[in-house]
C-alpha atoms as a PDB file:
ATOM      1  CA  MET A   1     -26.996 186.018  29.021  1.00  0.00           C
ATOM      2  CA  PRO A   2     -26.206 189.718  28.751  1.00  0.00           C
ATOM      3  CA  ILE A   3     -29.268 191.078  30.503  1.00  0.00           C
ATOM      4  CA  SER A   4     -28.418 194.291  32.292  1.00  0.00           C
ATOM      5  CA  ARG A   5     -30.067 197.632  32.844  1.00  0.00           C
ATOM      6  CA  ARG A   6     -27.555 199.238  30.445  1.00  0.00           C
ATOM      7  CA  PHE A   7     -28.582 196.888  27.644  1.00  0.00           C
ATOM      8  CA  TYR A   8     -32.332 196.579  28.192  1.00  0.00           C
ATOM      9  CA  VAL A   9     -32.962 200.123  29.362  1.00  0.00           C
ATOM     10  CA  ASN A  10     -36.737 199.925  28.920  1.00  0.00           C
ATOM     11  CA  LEU A  11     -37.240 196.863  31.140  1.00  0.00           C
ATOM     12  CA  SER A  12     -38.094 196.951  34.810  1.00  0.00           C
ATOM     13  CA  PRO A  13     -36.551 194.405  37.191  1.00  0.00           C
ATOM     14  CA  GLY A  14     -39.838 192.467  37.045  1.00  0.00           C
ATOM     15  CA  GLN A  15     -39.722 192.391  33.257  1.00  0.00           C
ATOM     16  CA  ILE A  16     -36.118 191.210  33.324  1.00  0.00           C
ATOM     17  CA  SER A  17     -37.183 188.383  35.663  1.00  0.00           C
ATOM     18  CA  PHE A  18     -39.969 187.465  33.249  1.00  0.00           C
ATOM     19  CA  VAL A  19     -37.556 187.420  30.302  1.00  0.00           C
ATOM     20  CA  LEU A  20     -35.246 185.120  32.280  1.00  0.00           C
ATOM     21  CA  LEU A  21     -38.187 182.819  33.060  1.00  0.00           C
ATOM     22  CA  VAL A  22     -39.087 182.696  29.363  1.00  0.00           C
ATOM     23  CA  TYR A  23     -35.416 182.031  28.559  1.00  0.00           C
ATOM     24  CA  GLY A  24     -35.351 179.044  30.911  1.00  0.00           C
ATOM     25  CA  LEU A  25     -38.620 177.592  29.624  1.00  0.00           C
ATOM     26  CA  ALA A  26     -37.397 177.979  26.053  1.00  0.00           C
ATOM     27  CA  GLY A  27     -34.269 176.042  27.001  1.00  0.00           C
ATOM     28  CA  ILE A  28     -36.377 173.145  28.264  1.00  0.00           C
ATOM     29  CA  ALA A  29     -38.393 173.188  25.045  1.00  0.00           C
ATOM     30  CA  GLY A  30     -35.192 173.441  22.998  1.00  0.00           C
ATOM     31  CA  GLY A  31     -33.810 170.211  24.421  1.00  0.00           C
ATOM     32  CA  TRP A  32     -37.012 168.440  23.446  1.00  0.00           C
ATOM     33  CA  ILE A  33     -37.066 170.063  19.987  1.00  0.00           C
ATOM     34  CA  GLY A  34     -33.452 169.042  19.388  1.00  0.00           C
ATOM     35  CA  GLY A  35     -34.090 165.424  20.341  1.00  0.00           C
ATOM     36  CA  TRP A  36     -37.240 165.242  18.230  1.00  0.00           C
ATOM     37  CA  ALA A  37     -35.527 166.865  15.239  1.00  0.00           C
ATOM     38  CA  ALA A  38     -32.478 164.599  15.501  1.00  0.00           C
ATOM     39  CA  ASP A  39     -34.755 161.547  15.444  1.00  0.00           C
ATOM     40  CA  ARG A  40     -36.934 162.919  12.639  1.00  0.00           C
ATOM     41  CA  PHE A  41     -34.401 164.660  10.368  1.00  0.00           C
ATOM     42  CA  GLY A  42     -31.072 163.213  11.458  1.00  0.00           C
ATOM     43  CA  ALA A  43     -28.332 164.520  13.691  1.00  0.00           C
ATOM     44  CA  ALA A  44     -26.328 166.265  10.969  1.00  0.00           C
ATOM     45  CA  ARG A  45     -29.192 168.340   9.602  1.00  0.00           C
ATOM     46  CA  THR A  46     -30.440 169.142  13.112  1.00  0.00           C
ATOM     47  CA  MET A  47     -27.025 170.368  14.247  1.00  0.00           C
ATOM     48  CA  ILE A  48     -26.634 172.734  11.296  1.00  0.00           C
ATOM     49  CA  VAL A  49     -30.185 174.113  11.287  1.00  0.00           C
ATOM     50  CA  THR A  50     -30.361 174.643  15.054  1.00  0.00           C
ATOM     51  CA  LEU A  51     -26.967 176.340  15.130  1.00  0.00           C
ATOM     52  CA  LEU A  52     -28.036 178.642  12.281  1.00  0.00           C
ATOM     53  CA  LEU A  53     -31.196 179.612  14.184  1.00  0.00           C
ATOM     54  CA  HIS A  54     -29.125 180.140  17.326  1.00  0.00           C
ATOM     55  CA  ALA A  55     -26.714 182.453  15.496  1.00  0.00           C
ATOM     56  CA  MET A  56     -29.581 184.388  13.930  1.00  0.00           C
ATOM     57  CA  ALA A  57     -31.229 184.952  17.312  1.00  0.00           C
ATOM     58  CA  ILE A  58     -28.004 186.102  18.986  1.00  0.00           C
ATOM     59  CA  LEU A  59     -27.282 188.542  16.183  1.00  0.00           C
ATOM     60  CA  LEU A  60     -30.819 189.935  16.446  1.00  0.00           C
ATOM     61  CA  LEU A  61     -30.557 190.615  20.198  1.00  0.00           C
ATOM     62  CA  PRO A  62     -29.356 194.229  19.941  1.00  0.00           C
ATOM     63  CA  TRP A  63     -32.271 195.035  17.623  1.00  0.00           C
ATOM     64  CA  ALA A  64     -34.772 193.114  19.743  1.00  0.00           C
ATOM     65  CA  ALA A  65     -33.749 194.736  23.023  1.00  0.00           C
ATOM     66  CA  ALA A  66     -35.625 197.946  22.265  1.00  0.00           C
ATOM     67  CA  SER A  67     -39.059 196.353  22.658  1.00  0.00           C
ATOM     68  CA  MET A  68     -40.522 193.579  24.796  1.00  0.00           C
ATOM     69  CA  LEU A  69     -42.599 192.480  21.787  1.00  0.00           C
ATOM     70  CA  ARG A  70     -39.425 191.936  19.776  1.00  0.00           C
ATOM     71  CA  LEU A  71     -37.330 190.714  22.680  1.00  0.00           C
ATOM     72  CA  LEU A  72     -39.471 187.781  23.813  1.00  0.00           C
ATOM     73  CA  PRO A  73     -39.590 185.920  20.467  1.00  0.00           C
ATOM     74  CA  VAL A  74     -35.868 186.461  19.935  1.00  0.00           C
ATOM     75  CA  VAL A  75     -35.063 185.229  23.463  1.00  0.00           C
ATOM     76  CA  ILE A  76     -37.277 182.172  22.899  1.00  0.00           C
ATOM     77  CA  VAL A  77     -35.499 181.319  19.642  1.00  0.00           C
ATOM     78  CA  TRP A  78     -32.112 182.138  21.209  1.00  0.00           C
ATOM     79  CA  CYS A  79     -32.424 179.777  24.138  1.00  0.00           C
ATOM     80  CA  ALA A  80     -34.431 177.061  22.421  1.00  0.00           C
ATOM     81  CA  PHE A  81     -31.838 176.778  19.690  1.00  0.00           C
ATOM     82  CA  ASN A  82     -28.998 177.196  22.157  1.00  0.00           C
ATOM     83  CA  MET A  83     -30.125 173.934  23.758  1.00  0.00           C
ATOM     84  CA  ALA A  84     -31.438 172.126  20.662  1.00  0.00           C
ATOM     85  CA  PRO A  85     -28.098 171.053  19.133  1.00  0.00           C
ATOM     86  CA  SER A  86     -27.091 169.041  22.232  1.00  0.00           C
ATOM     87  CA  PRO A  87     -29.245 165.940  21.635  1.00  0.00           C
ATOM     88  CA  ALA A  88     -28.208 165.892  17.961  1.00  0.00           C
ATOM     89  CA  ILE A  89     -24.526 166.179  18.858  1.00  0.00           C
ATOM     90  CA  GLN A  90     -24.864 163.409  21.430  1.00  0.00           C
ATOM     91  CA  SER A  91     -26.701 161.200  18.942  1.00  0.00           C
ATOM     92  CA  TYR A  92     -24.024 161.868  16.337  1.00  0.00           C
ATOM     93  CA  LEU A  93     -21.225 160.985  18.762  1.00  0.00           C
ATOM     94  CA  VAL A  94     -22.907 157.763  19.912  1.00  0.00           C
ATOM     95  CA  ARG A  95     -23.601 156.615  16.348  1.00  0.00           C
ATOM     96  CA  LEU A  96     -20.133 157.576  15.180  1.00  0.00           C
ATOM     97  CA  ALA A  97     -18.362 155.313  17.680  1.00  0.00           C
ATOM     98  CA  PRO A  98     -20.738 153.402  19.957  1.00  0.00           C
ATOM     99  CA  LYS A  99     -17.924 151.585  21.797  1.00  0.00           C
ATOM    100  CA  SER A 100     -16.449 154.840  23.096  1.00  0.00           C
ATOM    101  CA  ALA A 101     -19.730 156.711  23.522  1.00  0.00           C
ATOM    102  CA  ASP A 102     -19.318 157.150  27.277  1.00  0.00           C
ATOM    103  CA  ILE A 103     -15.928 158.842  26.892  1.00  0.00           C
ATOM    104  CA  GLN A 104     -17.090 160.943  23.940  1.00  0.00           C
ATOM    105  CA  LEU A 105     -20.185 162.180  25.789  1.00  0.00           C
ATOM    106  CA  SER A 106     -18.096 162.980  28.870  1.00  0.00           C
ATOM    107  CA  LEU A 107     -15.592 164.962  26.816  1.00  0.00           C
ATOM    108  CA  ASN A 108     -18.431 166.710  24.973  1.00  0.00           C
ATOM    109  CA  THR A 109     -20.053 167.755  28.258  1.00  0.00           C
ATOM    110  CA  SER A 110     -16.715 168.928  29.638  1.00  0.00           C
ATOM    111  CA  SER A 111     -16.088 170.940  26.477  1.00  0.00           C
ATOM    112  CA  LEU A 112     -19.525 172.493  26.782  1.00  0.00           C
ATOM    113  CA  HIS A 113     -18.817 173.638  30.340  1.00  0.00           C
ATOM    114  CA  LEU A 114     -15.372 174.939  29.408  1.00  0.00           C
ATOM    115  CA  GLY A 115     -17.016 176.853  26.555  1.00  0.00           C
ATOM    116  CA  VAL A 116     -19.492 178.455  28.955  1.00  0.00           C
ATOM    117  CA  ALA A 117     -16.639 179.467  31.246  1.00  0.00           C
ATOM    118  CA  ALA A 118     -14.545 180.854  28.380  1.00  0.00           C
ATOM    119  CA  GLY A 119     -17.581 182.648  26.942  1.00  0.00           C
ATOM    120  CA  SER A 120     -18.269 184.247  30.306  1.00  0.00           C
ATOM    121  CA  ALA A 121     -14.679 185.447  30.568  1.00  0.00           C
ATOM    122  CA  ILE A 122     -14.679 186.768  27.007  1.00  0.00           C
ATOM    123  CA  GLY A 123     -18.055 188.428  27.579  1.00  0.00           C
ATOM    124  CA  GLY A 124     -16.698 190.147  30.684  1.00  0.00           C
ATOM    125  CA  VAL A 125     -13.760 191.527  28.724  1.00  0.00           C
ATOM    126  CA  VAL A 126     -16.063 192.686  25.930  1.00  0.00           C
ATOM    127  CA  ILE A 127     -18.386 194.458  28.389  1.00  0.00           C
ATOM    128  CA  SER A 128     -15.450 196.153  30.110  1.00  0.00           C
ATOM    129  CA  ARG A 129     -14.157 197.604  26.828  1.00  0.00           C
ATOM    130  CA  TYR A 130     -17.194 198.019  24.577  1.00  0.00           C
ATOM    131  CA  GLU A 131     -20.960 198.358  24.673  1.00  0.00           C
ATOM    132  CA  VAL A 132     -22.834 195.378  26.077  1.00  0.00           C
ATOM    133  CA  THR A 133     -24.403 194.883  22.657  1.00  0.00           C
ATOM    134  CA  ALA A 134     -20.983 193.868  21.342  1.00  0.00           C
ATOM    135  CA  ASN A 135     -21.487 190.589  23.214  1.00  0.00           C
ATOM    136  CA  ALA A 136     -24.180 189.674  20.705  1.00  0.00           C
ATOM    137  CA  TRP A 137     -21.760 190.127  17.815  1.00  0.00           C
ATOM    138  CA  ILE A 138     -18.984 188.206  19.555  1.00  0.00           C
ATOM    139  CA  GLY A 139     -21.379 185.439  20.620  1.00  0.00           C
ATOM    140  CA  GLY A 140     -22.789 185.238  17.111  1.00  0.00           C
ATOM    141  CA  LEU A 141     -19.275 184.921  15.741  1.00  0.00           C
ATOM    142  CA  PHE A 142     -18.586 181.979  18.065  1.00  0.00           C
ATOM    143  CA  VAL A 143     -21.786 180.239  16.959  1.00  0.00           C
ATOM    144  CA  ILE A 144     -20.825 180.802  13.315  1.00  0.00           C
ATOM    145  CA  LEU A 145     -17.448 179.200  14.086  1.00  0.00           C
ATOM    146  CA  ALA A 146     -19.357 176.260  15.630  1.00  0.00           C
ATOM    147  CA  ILE A 147     -21.374 175.952  12.415  1.00  0.00           C
ATOM    148  CA  VAL A 148     -18.203 175.890  10.319  1.00  0.00           C
ATOM    149  CA  SER A 149     -16.700 173.302  12.667  1.00  0.00           C
ATOM    150  CA  ALA A 150     -19.831 171.142  12.426  1.00  0.00           C
ATOM    151  CA  ILE A 151     -19.907 171.372   8.635  1.00  0.00           C
ATOM    152  CA  VAL A 152     -16.238 170.412   8.362  1.00  0.00           C
ATOM    153  CA  THR A 153     -16.742 167.512  10.762  1.00  0.00           C
ATOM    154  CA  LEU A 154     -19.899 166.256   9.111  1.00  0.00           C
ATOM    155  CA  TYR A 155     -19.074 166.687   5.460  1.00  0.00           C
ATOM    156  CA  ARG A 156     -15.362 166.074   5.007  1.00  0.00           C
ATOM    157  CA  GLY A 157     -16.175 162.642   3.758  1.00  0.00           C
ATOM    158  CA  ARG A 158     -15.437 160.776   6.955  1.00  0.00           C
ATOM    159  CA  VAL A 159     -19.082 160.063   7.677  1.00  0.00           C
ATOM    160  CA  ILE A 160     -21.972 159.738   5.248  1.00  0.00           C
ATOM    161  CA  HIS A 161     -25.394 160.313   6.741  1.00  0.00           C
ATOM    162  CA  ASN A 162     -27.892 157.811   5.412  1.00  0.00           C
ATOM    163  CA  LYS A 163     -31.297 159.561   5.318  1.00  0.00           C
ATOM    164  CA  GLU A 164     -33.306 156.362   4.904  1.00  0.00           C
ATOM    165  CA  ASP A 165     -32.367 154.705   8.179  1.00  0.00           C
ATOM    166  CA  ASN A 166     -30.896 157.743   9.980  1.00  0.00           C
ATOM    167  CA  SER A 167     -27.571 155.992  10.565  1.00  0.00           C
ATOM    168  CA  PHE A 168     -23.973 156.877   9.928  1.00  0.00           C
ATOM    169  CA  GLN A 169     -21.626 154.856   7.759  1.00  0.00           C
ATOM    170  CA  GLU A 170     -17.930 155.165   7.131  1.00  0.00           C
ATOM    171  CA  SER A 171     -17.272 156.634   3.709  1.00  0.00           C
ATOM    172  CA  PRO A 172     -15.249 154.561   1.271  1.00  0.00           C
ATOM    173  CA  SER A 173     -11.976 156.538   1.138  1.00  0.00           C
END
């Protein structure tokens, strides 16, 4: 999370701590929201919608940073919808191939952690060469790439999502 005095110039250290607390609480809520939405609306729809909201929030960060009144709602949406796709992705993977669910979930978690590490490295390079606000644009780009990846995976015809019983079926190719 690119919170620094250079980026949020109008926030005191206490306010930055409060924003981080809100960020963490939003993440807890986001996991719940993602699980609820995946059960209610299906994994595919939940993945796409939550990733779109995540991208929107990241791209709004530079604008929101000027005011605590703008920053808090954007941070809440950012973190909630950062965490919300995870239950939907896990549900999708388990339903796609239940017999290999343990391996798929392990690889998914490993990929998530590698993504955090790579994002941190990329963010460090961005900060060293550009304004900190550029991280929002780069991060937003990565989330947009995740959306494209999800759409390709979900809708290439390999899996048809059945809305009635919230299951996945192989498409007749």
